[in-house]
Amino acid sequence: MFNRRCVRCGSTTFRADRSLGGRLVCSRCGIPADQLRAGSASQGGLRRPSQRGGGGFRFWLLLALVVFVLVVLFQSA
C-alpha cells in the first residue's frame, strides 16, 4: 500500500492523474506524490547545473553584451 504524506500539505490521500500519465498526485493540493522535499540539493531541491550545460547562460549574456557594444559603436560613427 502507498503509505506516504504529501510534502506540501501533509495529506495522505492521493489520486492518479490521467494528464500526467497516471502519476499519483495529492488530492488536496495537486503536487505529484513522487515530488521530493525541497531544500536539500541531494533530494532534488536546488540543483547545481551540470558541468556541460552550466555555462550556457553566461555565453548568451556575453554575446548580447558584445552585440550591444557593437551597435553602440556603429550608432556613434
N, C-alpha and C. Protein backbone atom coordinates (compact mmCIF):
# COMPACT_ATOMS: atom_id res chain seq x y z
N MET A 1 0.84 -1.18 0.00
CA MET A 1 0.00 0.00 0.00
C MET A 1 0.88 1.24 0.00
N PHE A 2 0.38 2.31 -0.54
CA PHE A 2 1.11 3.57 -0.65
C PHE A 2 0.92 4.36 0.64
N ASN A 3 1.87 4.25 1.58
CA ASN A 3 1.76 4.88 2.88
C ASN A 3 2.72 6.06 2.94
N ARG A 4 2.25 7.22 2.46
CA ARG A 4 3.11 8.39 2.34
C ARG A 4 2.31 9.66 2.59
N ARG A 5 3.00 10.71 2.99
CA ARG A 5 2.37 12.01 3.19
C ARG A 5 2.83 12.98 2.13
N CYS A 6 1.96 13.92 1.79
CA CYS A 6 2.30 14.97 0.83
C CYS A 6 3.33 15.90 1.47
N VAL A 7 4.36 16.29 0.68
CA VAL A 7 5.42 17.14 1.24
C VAL A 7 4.96 18.58 1.41
N ARG A 8 3.90 18.99 0.72
CA ARG A 8 3.44 20.36 0.83
C ARG A 8 2.38 20.53 1.92
N CYS A 9 1.34 19.69 1.90
CA CYS A 9 0.22 19.91 2.82
C CYS A 9 0.08 18.82 3.88
N GLY A 10 0.79 17.69 3.74
CA GLY A 10 0.72 16.63 4.73
C GLY A 10 -0.43 15.66 4.56
N SER A 11 -1.20 15.80 3.51
CA SER A 11 -2.33 14.92 3.27
C SER A 11 -1.86 13.51 2.93
N THR A 12 -2.70 12.51 3.23
CA THR A 12 -2.37 11.13 2.91
C THR A 12 -3.24 10.58 1.80
N THR A 13 -4.08 11.41 1.18
CA THR A 13 -4.94 10.95 0.10
C THR A 13 -4.35 11.37 -1.24
N PHE A 14 -4.20 10.40 -2.13
CA PHE A 14 -3.65 10.63 -3.45
C PHE A 14 -4.58 10.06 -4.50
N ARG A 15 -4.47 10.57 -5.72
CA ARG A 15 -5.26 10.05 -6.83
C ARG A 15 -4.38 9.99 -8.06
N ALA A 16 -4.72 9.14 -9.01
CA ALA A 16 -3.96 9.02 -10.25
C ALA A 16 -4.46 10.08 -11.22
N ASP A 17 -3.54 10.89 -11.73
CA ASP A 17 -3.89 11.97 -12.65
C ASP A 17 -3.63 11.50 -14.07
N ARG A 18 -4.69 11.45 -14.88
CA ARG A 18 -4.54 10.96 -16.25
C ARG A 18 -3.71 11.90 -17.10
N SER A 19 -3.77 13.20 -16.84
CA SER A 19 -3.00 14.14 -17.66
C SER A 19 -1.50 14.00 -17.42
N LEU A 20 -1.10 13.40 -16.32
CA LEU A 20 0.31 13.18 -16.02
C LEU A 20 0.71 11.72 -16.25
N GLY A 21 -0.07 11.02 -17.03
CA GLY A 21 0.26 9.64 -17.36
C GLY A 21 0.03 8.68 -16.21
N GLY A 22 -0.91 8.97 -15.34
CA GLY A 22 -1.22 8.08 -14.24
C GLY A 22 -0.40 8.30 -12.98
N ARG A 23 0.42 9.35 -12.96
CA ARG A 23 1.20 9.62 -11.74
C ARG A 23 0.27 9.98 -10.60
N LEU A 24 0.65 9.58 -9.40
CA LEU A 24 -0.15 9.91 -8.23
C LEU A 24 0.09 11.35 -7.83
N VAL A 25 -1.00 12.07 -7.56
CA VAL A 25 -0.92 13.44 -7.10
C VAL A 25 -1.76 13.59 -5.84
N CYS A 26 -1.42 14.56 -5.01
CA CYS A 26 -2.15 14.82 -3.78
C CYS A 26 -3.56 15.29 -4.12
N SER A 27 -4.54 14.76 -3.42
CA SER A 27 -5.93 15.15 -3.68
C SER A 27 -6.23 16.55 -3.18
N ARG A 28 -5.48 17.01 -2.20
CA ARG A 28 -5.75 18.32 -1.62
C ARG A 28 -5.05 19.46 -2.36
N CYS A 29 -3.74 19.34 -2.61
CA CYS A 29 -3.00 20.47 -3.20
C CYS A 29 -2.55 20.21 -4.64
N GLY A 30 -2.54 18.96 -5.12
CA GLY A 30 -2.23 18.67 -6.50
C GLY A 30 -0.77 18.45 -6.83
N ILE A 31 0.11 18.44 -5.84
CA ILE A 31 1.53 18.22 -6.10
C ILE A 31 1.76 16.73 -6.36
N PRO A 32 2.65 16.36 -7.32
CA PRO A 32 2.90 14.94 -7.57
C PRO A 32 3.45 14.24 -6.33
N ALA A 33 3.05 12.99 -6.13
CA ALA A 33 3.43 12.24 -4.93
C ALA A 33 4.91 11.91 -4.93
N ASP A 34 5.53 11.79 -6.12
CA ASP A 34 6.95 11.48 -6.14
C ASP A 34 7.82 12.73 -6.07
N GLN A 35 7.20 13.87 -5.87
CA GLN A 35 7.95 15.12 -5.69
C GLN A 35 8.69 15.03 -4.36
N LEU A 36 9.98 15.24 -4.39
CA LEU A 36 10.78 15.13 -3.18
C LEU A 36 10.78 16.46 -2.44
N ARG A 37 11.11 16.39 -1.17
CA ARG A 37 11.10 17.57 -0.33
C ARG A 37 12.13 18.58 -0.82
N ALA A 38 11.70 19.83 -1.01
CA ALA A 38 12.60 20.88 -1.47
C ALA A 38 13.49 21.35 -0.33
N GLY A 39 14.62 21.93 -0.68
CA GLY A 39 15.51 22.47 0.34
C GLY A 39 16.80 21.72 0.49
N SER A 40 16.86 20.53 -0.03
CA SER A 40 18.07 19.74 0.05
C SER A 40 18.55 19.45 -1.36
N ALA A 41 19.78 19.81 -1.66
CA ALA A 41 20.30 19.60 -3.01
C ALA A 41 20.39 18.13 -3.35
N SER A 42 20.63 17.29 -2.35
CA SER A 42 20.74 15.86 -2.64
C SER A 42 19.39 15.24 -2.92
N GLN A 43 18.30 15.87 -2.49
CA GLN A 43 16.98 15.32 -2.72
C GLN A 43 16.27 15.99 -3.89
N GLY A 44 16.94 16.85 -4.63
CA GLY A 44 16.33 17.43 -5.81
C GLY A 44 15.75 18.80 -5.58
N GLY A 45 16.03 19.46 -4.49
CA GLY A 45 15.52 20.80 -4.26
C GLY A 45 16.18 21.79 -5.20
N LEU A 46 17.27 22.36 -4.79
CA LEU A 46 18.03 23.26 -5.65
C LEU A 46 19.15 22.46 -6.28
N ARG A 47 19.11 22.35 -7.56
CA ARG A 47 20.09 21.53 -8.26
C ARG A 47 21.19 22.40 -8.83
N ARG A 48 22.40 21.89 -8.73
CA ARG A 48 23.51 22.58 -9.36
C ARG A 48 23.49 22.29 -10.85
N PRO A 49 23.89 23.26 -11.68
CA PRO A 49 23.91 22.98 -13.12
C PRO A 49 24.97 21.94 -13.43
N SER A 50 24.74 21.16 -14.45
CA SER A 50 25.70 20.14 -14.83
C SER A 50 26.95 20.79 -15.38
N GLN A 51 28.02 20.04 -15.43
CA GLN A 51 29.29 20.58 -15.91
C GLN A 51 29.20 20.97 -17.37
N ARG A 52 28.42 20.24 -18.16
CA ARG A 52 28.33 20.52 -19.58
C ARG A 52 27.48 21.74 -19.87
N GLY A 53 26.32 21.85 -19.26
CA GLY A 53 25.38 22.89 -19.62
C GLY A 53 25.36 24.07 -18.68
N GLY A 54 26.30 24.17 -17.76
CA GLY A 54 26.27 25.23 -16.77
C GLY A 54 26.63 26.60 -17.32
N GLY A 55 27.38 26.69 -18.41
CA GLY A 55 27.84 27.98 -18.90
C GLY A 55 26.98 28.56 -20.01
N GLY A 56 25.86 27.98 -20.31
CA GLY A 56 25.01 28.45 -21.39
C GLY A 56 24.50 29.86 -21.17
N PHE A 57 24.06 30.15 -19.98
CA PHE A 57 23.53 31.47 -19.67
C PHE A 57 24.61 32.53 -19.81
N ARG A 58 25.79 32.24 -19.32
CA ARG A 58 26.89 33.21 -19.40
C ARG A 58 27.30 33.47 -20.84
N PHE A 59 27.27 32.43 -21.67
CA PHE A 59 27.61 32.59 -23.08
C PHE A 59 26.65 33.57 -23.76
N TRP A 60 25.34 33.37 -23.56
CA TRP A 60 24.35 34.24 -24.21
C TRP A 60 24.40 35.65 -23.65
N LEU A 61 24.68 35.79 -22.37
CA LEU A 61 24.81 37.12 -21.77
C LEU A 61 26.02 37.86 -22.34
N LEU A 62 27.13 37.17 -22.48
CA LEU A 62 28.33 37.77 -23.05
C LEU A 62 28.12 38.12 -24.52
N LEU A 63 27.44 37.25 -25.26
CA LEU A 63 27.15 37.53 -26.67
C LEU A 63 26.25 38.75 -26.80
N ALA A 64 25.24 38.87 -25.97
CA ALA A 64 24.35 40.03 -26.01
C ALA A 64 25.10 41.31 -25.67
N LEU A 65 26.03 41.23 -24.72
CA LEU A 65 26.83 42.40 -24.35
C LEU A 65 27.72 42.84 -25.51
N VAL A 66 28.35 41.89 -26.19
CA VAL A 66 29.20 42.22 -27.33
C VAL A 66 28.38 42.85 -28.45
N VAL A 67 27.21 42.29 -28.74
CA VAL A 67 26.34 42.86 -29.78
C VAL A 67 25.90 44.26 -29.40
N PHE A 68 25.57 44.47 -28.14
CA PHE A 68 25.15 45.79 -27.67
C PHE A 68 26.27 46.82 -27.85
N VAL A 69 27.49 46.44 -27.48
CA VAL A 69 28.63 47.35 -27.63
C VAL A 69 28.87 47.66 -29.10
N LEU A 70 28.77 46.65 -29.98
CA LEU A 70 28.96 46.90 -31.40
C LEU A 70 27.89 47.83 -31.96
N VAL A 71 26.66 47.65 -31.54
CA VAL A 71 25.57 48.53 -32.01
C VAL A 71 25.81 49.96 -31.54
N VAL A 72 26.22 50.14 -30.31
CA VAL A 72 26.50 51.49 -29.79
C VAL A 72 27.66 52.12 -30.55
N LEU A 73 28.71 51.37 -30.85
CA LEU A 73 29.85 51.90 -31.59
C LEU A 73 29.46 52.31 -33.01
N PHE A 74 28.64 51.48 -33.68
CA PHE A 74 28.24 51.83 -35.06
C PHE A 74 27.23 52.97 -35.09
N GLN A 75 26.46 53.15 -34.04
CA GLN A 75 25.49 54.26 -33.99
C GLN A 75 26.21 55.59 -33.84
N SER A 76 27.30 55.60 -33.10
CA SER A 76 28.03 56.84 -32.87
C SER A 76 28.91 57.23 -34.05
N ALA A 77 29.21 56.31 -34.92
CA ALA A 77 30.10 56.62 -36.07
C ALA A 77 29.38 57.26 -37.21
